[in-house]
């Protein structure tokens, strides 16, 4: 199932300039989600990171991955209308710089969930090459 940016906003509370997923290409509620972000030089972070050599900040790539994972969790009937908060980030690895013009292909697989707390394994790729990996912990709140 695919979701466009308006449909993503029906699930996630994020809005400009912090909605970092342009499209969900497929997902299974409670299990996994895949999405894309098209990186543009017109994004606010490139005013200062870095003005003479634009590189997407790693923390924003991690946030985009978390938003993809949040789609998997918050699309479950029991979590509709709730918010997924960061609980932790482990083993984040940055293997390739992401720059304007790149299309980030992201996926997050939910590997554990007990009540409102869980974790996911996330990967971001550009041109089929791994750019970022991380294990993300989340807490579902009201």
N, C-alpha and C. Protein backbone atom coordinates (compact mmCIF):
# COMPACT_ATOMS: atom_id res chain seq x y z
N UNK A 1 0.84 -1.17 0.00
CA UNK A 1 0.00 0.00 0.00
C UNK A 1 0.90 1.25 0.00
N UNK A 2 0.57 2.23 -0.78
CA UNK A 2 1.35 3.45 -0.91
C UNK A 2 0.60 4.61 -0.26
N UNK A 3 1.36 5.52 0.37
CA UNK A 3 0.77 6.73 0.97
C UNK A 3 1.47 7.96 0.40
N UNK A 4 0.70 8.98 0.02
CA UNK A 4 1.30 10.24 -0.42
C UNK A 4 1.50 11.15 0.80
N UNK A 5 2.04 12.33 0.57
CA UNK A 5 2.37 13.22 1.69
C UNK A 5 1.15 13.63 2.51
N UNK A 6 0.00 13.80 1.86
CA UNK A 6 -1.21 14.16 2.61
C UNK A 6 -1.70 13.00 3.47
N UNK A 7 -1.59 11.80 2.95
CA UNK A 7 -2.00 10.62 3.72
C UNK A 7 -1.04 10.37 4.88
N UNK A 8 0.24 10.68 4.68
CA UNK A 8 1.22 10.56 5.77
C UNK A 8 0.83 11.50 6.91
N UNK A 9 0.38 12.71 6.56
CA UNK A 9 -0.02 13.68 7.59
C UNK A 9 -1.26 13.23 8.37
N UNK A 10 -2.03 12.33 7.84
CA UNK A 10 -3.16 11.79 8.58
C UNK A 10 -2.71 10.84 9.68
N UNK A 11 -1.48 10.32 9.56
CA UNK A 11 -0.94 9.36 10.54
C UNK A 11 0.08 10.02 11.47
N UNK A 12 0.99 10.83 10.89
CA UNK A 12 2.05 11.47 11.68
C UNK A 12 1.68 12.91 12.03
N UNK A 13 2.11 13.39 13.19
CA UNK A 13 1.84 14.79 13.55
C UNK A 13 2.80 15.80 12.91
N UNK A 14 3.86 15.33 12.25
CA UNK A 14 4.89 16.21 11.71
C UNK A 14 4.36 17.07 10.57
N UNK A 15 4.84 18.32 10.53
CA UNK A 15 4.50 19.26 9.48
C UNK A 15 5.76 19.98 9.05
N UNK A 16 5.65 20.77 7.98
CA UNK A 16 6.78 21.54 7.49
C UNK A 16 7.36 22.37 8.64
N UNK A 17 8.67 22.42 8.78
CA UNK A 17 9.70 21.84 7.94
C UNK A 17 10.18 20.47 8.45
N UNK A 18 9.38 19.80 9.26
CA UNK A 18 9.87 18.58 9.89
C UNK A 18 9.21 17.30 9.40
N UNK A 19 8.37 17.36 8.39
CA UNK A 19 7.88 16.13 7.78
C UNK A 19 8.96 15.70 6.79
N UNK A 20 9.69 14.65 7.11
CA UNK A 20 10.87 14.26 6.35
C UNK A 20 10.66 13.02 5.49
N UNK A 21 9.42 12.63 5.28
CA UNK A 21 9.10 11.51 4.39
C UNK A 21 8.15 12.03 3.33
N UNK A 22 8.54 11.88 2.07
CA UNK A 22 7.70 12.36 0.97
C UNK A 22 6.64 11.35 0.55
N UNK A 23 6.98 10.07 0.65
CA UNK A 23 6.05 9.03 0.22
C UNK A 23 6.37 7.74 0.96
N UNK A 24 5.33 7.02 1.33
CA UNK A 24 5.48 5.65 1.82
C UNK A 24 5.18 4.77 0.62
N UNK A 25 6.15 3.94 0.26
CA UNK A 25 6.00 3.10 -0.93
C UNK A 25 5.31 1.77 -0.64
N UNK A 26 5.38 1.33 0.62
CA UNK A 26 4.71 0.09 1.02
C UNK A 26 4.84 -0.04 2.53
N UNK A 27 3.91 -0.72 3.16
CA UNK A 27 4.01 -0.99 4.60
C UNK A 27 3.03 -2.07 5.01
N UNK A 28 3.35 -2.67 6.15
CA UNK A 28 2.46 -3.61 6.80
C UNK A 28 2.32 -3.13 8.24
N UNK A 29 1.11 -2.70 8.64
CA UNK A 29 0.92 -2.16 9.97
C UNK A 29 1.50 -3.06 11.06
N UNK A 30 2.29 -2.44 11.95
CA UNK A 30 2.89 -3.15 13.07
C UNK A 30 4.12 -3.96 12.72
N UNK A 31 4.47 -4.05 11.44
CA UNK A 31 5.58 -4.91 11.01
C UNK A 31 6.74 -4.14 10.37
N UNK A 32 6.46 -3.35 9.33
CA UNK A 32 7.51 -2.66 8.59
C UNK A 32 6.90 -1.57 7.70
N UNK A 33 7.77 -0.67 7.27
CA UNK A 33 7.37 0.36 6.30
C UNK A 33 8.57 0.74 5.45
N UNK A 34 8.30 1.14 4.23
CA UNK A 34 9.32 1.64 3.30
C UNK A 34 8.86 2.98 2.78
N UNK A 35 9.81 3.91 2.66
CA UNK A 35 9.45 5.23 2.18
C UNK A 35 10.61 5.92 1.49
N UNK A 36 10.32 7.09 0.92
CA UNK A 36 11.35 7.87 0.23
C UNK A 36 11.32 9.32 0.67
N UNK A 37 12.49 9.92 0.60
CA UNK A 37 12.65 11.35 0.78
C UNK A 37 13.50 11.85 -0.37
N UNK A 38 13.00 12.86 -1.05
CA UNK A 38 13.74 13.51 -2.14
C UNK A 38 14.43 14.73 -1.55
N UNK A 39 15.73 14.73 -1.50
CA UNK A 39 16.50 15.80 -0.87
C UNK A 39 16.64 16.97 -1.85
N UNK A 40 16.26 18.16 -1.39
CA UNK A 40 16.32 19.36 -2.22
C UNK A 40 17.22 20.41 -1.58
N UNK A 41 17.96 21.12 -2.40
CA UNK A 41 18.81 22.20 -1.91
C UNK A 41 17.98 23.32 -1.26
N UNK A 42 16.69 23.36 -1.53
CA UNK A 42 15.81 24.39 -0.98
C UNK A 42 15.41 24.13 0.47
N UNK A 43 15.85 23.04 1.07
CA UNK A 43 15.50 22.73 2.45
C UNK A 43 16.30 23.62 3.40
N UNK A 44 15.66 23.99 4.50
CA UNK A 44 16.23 24.96 5.43
C UNK A 44 17.58 24.55 6.02
N UNK A 45 17.81 23.26 6.25
CA UNK A 45 19.06 22.85 6.89
C UNK A 45 20.28 23.21 6.06
N UNK A 46 20.12 23.36 4.75
CA UNK A 46 21.28 23.64 3.90
C UNK A 46 21.73 25.09 3.97
N UNK A 47 20.95 25.95 4.65
CA UNK A 47 21.41 27.32 4.89
C UNK A 47 22.63 27.33 5.79
N UNK A 48 22.73 26.32 6.67
CA UNK A 48 23.84 26.32 7.61
C UNK A 48 24.63 25.02 7.66
N UNK A 49 24.23 24.01 6.90
CA UNK A 49 24.90 22.69 7.00
C UNK A 49 25.22 22.16 5.62
N UNK A 50 26.17 22.37 5.08
CA UNK A 50 27.15 23.44 5.28
C UNK A 50 26.99 24.37 4.09
N UNK A 51 27.07 25.69 4.28
CA UNK A 51 26.77 26.62 3.18
C UNK A 51 27.62 26.40 1.93
N UNK A 52 28.85 25.94 2.08
CA UNK A 52 29.70 25.76 0.90
C UNK A 52 29.83 24.30 0.48
N UNK A 53 29.25 23.38 1.25
CA UNK A 53 29.26 21.95 0.90
C UNK A 53 28.04 21.30 1.54
N UNK A 54 26.93 21.31 0.83
CA UNK A 54 25.67 20.82 1.38
C UNK A 54 25.72 19.32 1.66
N UNK A 55 25.46 18.98 2.92
CA UNK A 55 25.37 17.59 3.37
C UNK A 55 24.16 17.50 4.29
N UNK A 56 23.30 16.53 4.05
CA UNK A 56 22.14 16.37 4.93
C UNK A 56 22.61 15.92 6.30
N UNK A 57 22.21 16.64 7.37
CA UNK A 57 22.63 16.24 8.71
C UNK A 57 22.18 14.82 9.05
N UNK A 58 23.09 14.06 9.64
CA UNK A 58 22.79 12.68 10.02
C UNK A 58 21.59 12.57 10.93
N UNK A 59 21.44 13.52 11.83
CA UNK A 59 20.30 13.45 12.76
C UNK A 59 18.97 13.56 12.02
N UNK A 60 18.96 14.30 10.90
CA UNK A 60 17.72 14.40 10.13
C UNK A 60 17.45 13.12 9.34
N UNK A 61 18.51 12.43 8.91
CA UNK A 61 18.32 11.14 8.25
C UNK A 61 17.75 10.15 9.27
N UNK A 62 18.28 10.16 10.49
CA UNK A 62 17.76 9.28 11.55
C UNK A 62 16.29 9.62 11.83
N UNK A 63 15.97 10.91 11.89
CA UNK A 63 14.58 11.32 12.12
C UNK A 63 13.68 10.84 10.98
N UNK A 64 14.13 10.95 9.74
CA UNK A 64 13.34 10.47 8.60
C UNK A 64 13.09 8.97 8.72
N UNK A 65 14.13 8.22 9.11
CA UNK A 65 13.97 6.78 9.32
C UNK A 65 12.95 6.50 10.43
N UNK A 66 13.01 7.28 11.50
CA UNK A 66 12.07 7.11 12.61
C UNK A 66 10.64 7.39 12.15
N UNK A 67 10.47 8.38 11.28
CA UNK A 67 9.13 8.68 10.77
C UNK A 67 8.59 7.53 9.93
N UNK A 68 9.46 6.88 9.17
CA UNK A 68 9.03 5.70 8.40
C UNK A 68 8.60 4.60 9.37
N UNK A 69 9.39 4.37 10.41
CA UNK A 69 9.02 3.37 11.42
C UNK A 69 7.73 3.74 12.13
N UNK A 70 7.53 5.02 12.38
CA UNK A 70 6.31 5.48 13.05
C UNK A 70 5.07 5.17 12.20
N UNK A 71 5.21 5.22 10.89
CA UNK A 71 4.08 4.85 10.02
C UNK A 71 3.69 3.40 10.28
N UNK A 72 4.68 2.52 10.40
CA UNK A 72 4.37 1.11 10.66
C UNK A 72 3.62 0.95 11.97
N UNK A 73 4.05 1.65 13.01
CA UNK A 73 3.44 1.52 14.33
C UNK A 73 2.09 2.24 14.41
N UNK A 74 2.06 3.49 13.95
CA UNK A 74 0.85 4.31 14.13
C UNK A 74 -0.26 3.97 13.14
N UNK A 75 0.02 3.12 12.16
CA UNK A 75 -1.04 2.69 11.25
C UNK A 75 -1.81 1.50 11.82
N UNK A 76 -1.31 0.95 12.93
CA UNK A 76 -2.05 -0.11 13.62
C UNK A 76 -3.30 0.51 14.26
N UNK A 77 -4.39 -0.20 14.19
CA UNK A 77 -5.67 0.31 14.70
C UNK A 77 -5.56 0.80 16.15
N UNK A 78 -4.87 0.05 16.99
CA UNK A 78 -4.78 0.41 18.42
C UNK A 78 -3.96 1.68 18.68
N UNK A 79 -3.15 2.10 17.69
CA UNK A 79 -2.30 3.28 17.87
C UNK A 79 -2.73 4.49 17.03
N UNK A 80 -3.84 4.38 16.31
CA UNK A 80 -4.28 5.49 15.46
C UNK A 80 -4.54 6.73 16.31
N UNK A 81 -4.05 7.88 15.82
CA UNK A 81 -4.25 9.14 16.52
C UNK A 81 -3.23 9.40 17.62
N UNK A 82 -2.30 8.48 17.84
CA UNK A 82 -1.28 8.66 18.87
C UNK A 82 0.01 9.18 18.26
N UNK A 83 1.01 9.40 19.11
CA UNK A 83 2.31 9.88 18.67
C UNK A 83 3.38 8.89 19.11
N UNK A 84 4.34 8.64 18.22
CA UNK A 84 5.48 7.80 18.56
C UNK A 84 6.67 8.71 18.88
N UNK A 85 7.24 8.55 20.05
CA UNK A 85 8.37 9.36 20.49
C UNK A 85 9.64 8.52 20.47
N UNK A 86 10.79 9.20 20.27
CA UNK A 86 12.07 8.51 20.36
C UNK A 86 12.30 8.01 21.77
N UNK A 87 12.76 6.78 21.89
CA UNK A 87 13.17 6.24 23.17
C UNK A 87 14.67 6.02 23.21
N UNK A 88 15.28 5.93 22.02
CA UNK A 88 16.73 5.74 21.95
C UNK A 88 17.19 5.44 20.54
N UNK A 89 18.49 5.60 20.36
CA UNK A 89 19.14 5.30 19.08
C UNK A 89 20.39 4.50 19.41
N UNK A 90 20.52 3.31 18.79
CA UNK A 90 21.71 2.49 19.02
C UNK A 90 22.35 2.14 17.68
N UNK A 91 23.66 1.98 17.73
CA UNK A 91 24.43 1.48 16.59
C UNK A 91 24.20 2.25 15.30
N UNK A 92 24.05 3.56 15.41
CA UNK A 92 23.89 4.38 14.19
C UNK A 92 25.23 4.42 13.45
N UNK A 93 25.16 4.16 12.16
CA UNK A 93 26.36 4.18 11.32
C UNK A 93 26.07 5.01 10.07
N UNK A 94 26.97 5.94 9.78
CA UNK A 94 26.83 6.82 8.64
C UNK A 94 27.91 6.44 7.63
N UNK A 95 27.48 5.84 6.52
CA UNK A 95 28.43 5.24 5.58
C UNK A 95 28.59 6.02 4.30
N UNK A 96 27.65 6.94 4.03
CA UNK A 96 27.68 7.70 2.78
C UNK A 96 27.01 9.04 3.01
N UNK A 97 27.62 10.10 2.53
CA UNK A 97 27.00 11.42 2.65
C UNK A 97 25.78 11.50 1.74
N UNK A 98 24.78 12.21 2.23
CA UNK A 98 23.56 12.43 1.45
C UNK A 98 23.52 13.92 1.11
N UNK A 99 23.32 14.22 -0.17
CA UNK A 99 23.40 15.60 -0.65
C UNK A 99 22.17 15.93 -1.49
N UNK A 100 21.93 17.23 -1.75
CA UNK A 100 20.79 17.61 -2.58
C UNK A 100 20.79 16.87 -3.92
N UNK A 101 19.62 16.44 -4.32
CA UNK A 101 19.46 15.66 -5.54
C UNK A 101 19.34 14.18 -5.27
N UNK A 102 19.76 13.74 -4.09
CA UNK A 102 19.65 12.32 -3.73
C UNK A 102 18.20 11.96 -3.39
N UNK A 103 17.84 10.75 -3.70
CA UNK A 103 16.57 10.17 -3.27
C UNK A 103 16.91 9.11 -2.23
N UNK A 104 16.47 9.34 -1.01
CA UNK A 104 16.75 8.39 0.08
C UNK A 104 15.64 7.34 0.10
N UNK A 105 16.03 6.08 -0.05
CA UNK A 105 15.10 4.97 0.08
C UNK A 105 15.27 4.42 1.49
N UNK A 106 14.18 4.44 2.27
CA UNK A 106 14.27 4.10 3.68
C UNK A 106 13.35 2.93 4.00
N UNK A 107 13.79 2.13 4.96
CA UNK A 107 12.92 1.09 5.47
C UNK A 107 13.18 0.89 6.96
N UNK A 108 12.13 0.55 7.66
CA UNK A 108 12.24 0.26 9.09
C UNK A 108 11.39 -0.95 9.38
N UNK A 109 12.03 -1.96 9.96
CA UNK A 109 11.34 -3.18 10.36
C UNK A 109 11.22 -3.19 11.88
N UNK A 110 10.02 -3.37 12.37
CA UNK A 110 9.78 -3.43 13.81
C UNK A 110 10.25 -4.82 14.27
N UNK A 111 11.24 -4.83 15.17
CA UNK A 111 11.81 -6.11 15.58
C UNK A 111 11.36 -6.54 16.98
N UNK A 112 10.78 -5.60 17.75
CA UNK A 112 10.35 -5.93 19.11
C UNK A 112 9.32 -4.90 19.55
N UNK A 113 8.27 -5.36 20.22
CA UNK A 113 7.30 -4.44 20.80
C UNK A 113 6.62 -5.10 21.97
N UNK A 114 6.66 -4.41 23.11
CA UNK A 114 5.97 -4.85 24.31
C UNK A 114 5.18 -3.66 24.83
N UNK A 115 3.88 -3.73 24.69
CA UNK A 115 3.05 -2.59 25.09
C UNK A 115 3.38 -1.38 24.23
N UNK A 116 3.59 -0.22 24.87
CA UNK A 116 3.85 1.00 24.10
C UNK A 116 5.32 1.17 23.70
N UNK A 117 6.20 0.26 24.10
CA UNK A 117 7.64 0.41 23.85
C UNK A 117 8.08 -0.65 22.83
N UNK A 118 8.92 -0.21 21.89
CA UNK A 118 9.40 -1.15 20.90
C UNK A 118 10.66 -0.65 20.23
N UNK A 119 11.15 -1.45 19.29
CA UNK A 119 12.35 -1.05 18.55
C UNK A 119 12.26 -1.51 17.11
N UNK A 120 13.03 -0.83 16.29
CA UNK A 120 13.05 -1.16 14.87
C UNK A 120 14.46 -1.09 14.32
N UNK A 121 14.68 -1.85 13.26
CA UNK A 121 15.95 -1.84 12.55
C UNK A 121 15.72 -1.02 11.29
N UNK A 122 16.53 0.04 11.11
CA UNK A 122 16.31 0.99 10.02
C UNK A 122 17.51 1.09 9.10
N UNK A 123 17.23 1.25 7.80
CA UNK A 123 18.27 1.39 6.79
C UNK A 123 17.85 2.47 5.80
N UNK A 124 18.81 3.35 5.47
CA UNK A 124 18.60 4.35 4.43
C UNK A 124 19.61 4.09 3.32
N UNK A 125 19.13 4.07 2.08
CA UNK A 125 20.00 3.82 0.93
C UNK A 125 19.85 4.95 -0.08
N UNK A 126 20.94 5.21 -0.80
CA UNK A 126 20.92 6.13 -1.93
C UNK A 126 21.55 5.39 -3.10
N UNK A 127 20.86 5.37 -4.22
CA UNK A 127 21.33 4.65 -5.41
C UNK A 127 21.68 3.20 -5.10
N UNK A 128 20.89 2.58 -4.21
CA UNK A 128 21.10 1.18 -3.87
C UNK A 128 22.23 0.92 -2.89
N UNK A 129 22.93 1.97 -2.46
CA UNK A 129 24.04 1.81 -1.53
C UNK A 129 23.62 2.27 -0.14
N UNK A 130 24.00 1.50 0.88
CA UNK A 130 23.64 1.84 2.25
C UNK A 130 24.32 3.14 2.66
N UNK A 131 23.52 4.08 3.14
CA UNK A 131 24.04 5.36 3.61
C UNK A 131 24.01 5.44 5.14
N UNK A 132 22.94 4.93 5.75
CA UNK A 132 22.77 5.00 7.20
C UNK A 132 22.06 3.75 7.69
N UNK A 133 22.52 3.22 8.82
CA UNK A 133 21.82 2.14 9.52
C UNK A 133 21.69 2.53 10.98
N UNK A 134 20.64 2.05 11.63
CA UNK A 134 20.46 2.33 13.06
C UNK A 134 19.39 1.43 13.63
N UNK A 135 19.45 1.24 14.94
CA UNK A 135 18.39 0.59 15.69
C UNK A 135 17.69 1.69 16.48
N UNK A 136 16.39 1.80 16.30
CA UNK A 136 15.62 2.89 16.89
C UNK A 136 14.62 2.35 17.91
N UNK A 137 14.60 2.96 19.08
CA UNK A 137 13.62 2.59 20.11
C UNK A 137 12.56 3.68 20.15
N UNK A 138 11.31 3.26 20.31
CA UNK A 138 10.20 4.21 20.34
C UNK A 138 9.28 3.94 21.52
N UNK A 139 8.54 4.97 21.87
CA UNK A 139 7.50 4.87 22.89
C UNK A 139 6.23 5.49 22.30
N UNK A 140 5.15 4.76 22.29
CA UNK A 140 3.89 5.29 21.80
C UNK A 140 3.18 5.99 22.95
N UNK A 141 2.90 7.26 22.75
CA UNK A 141 2.20 8.05 23.76
C UNK A 141 0.86 8.51 23.24
N UNK A 142 0.16 9.23 24.08
CA UNK A 142 -1.17 9.74 23.71
C UNK A 142 -1.11 10.79 22.64
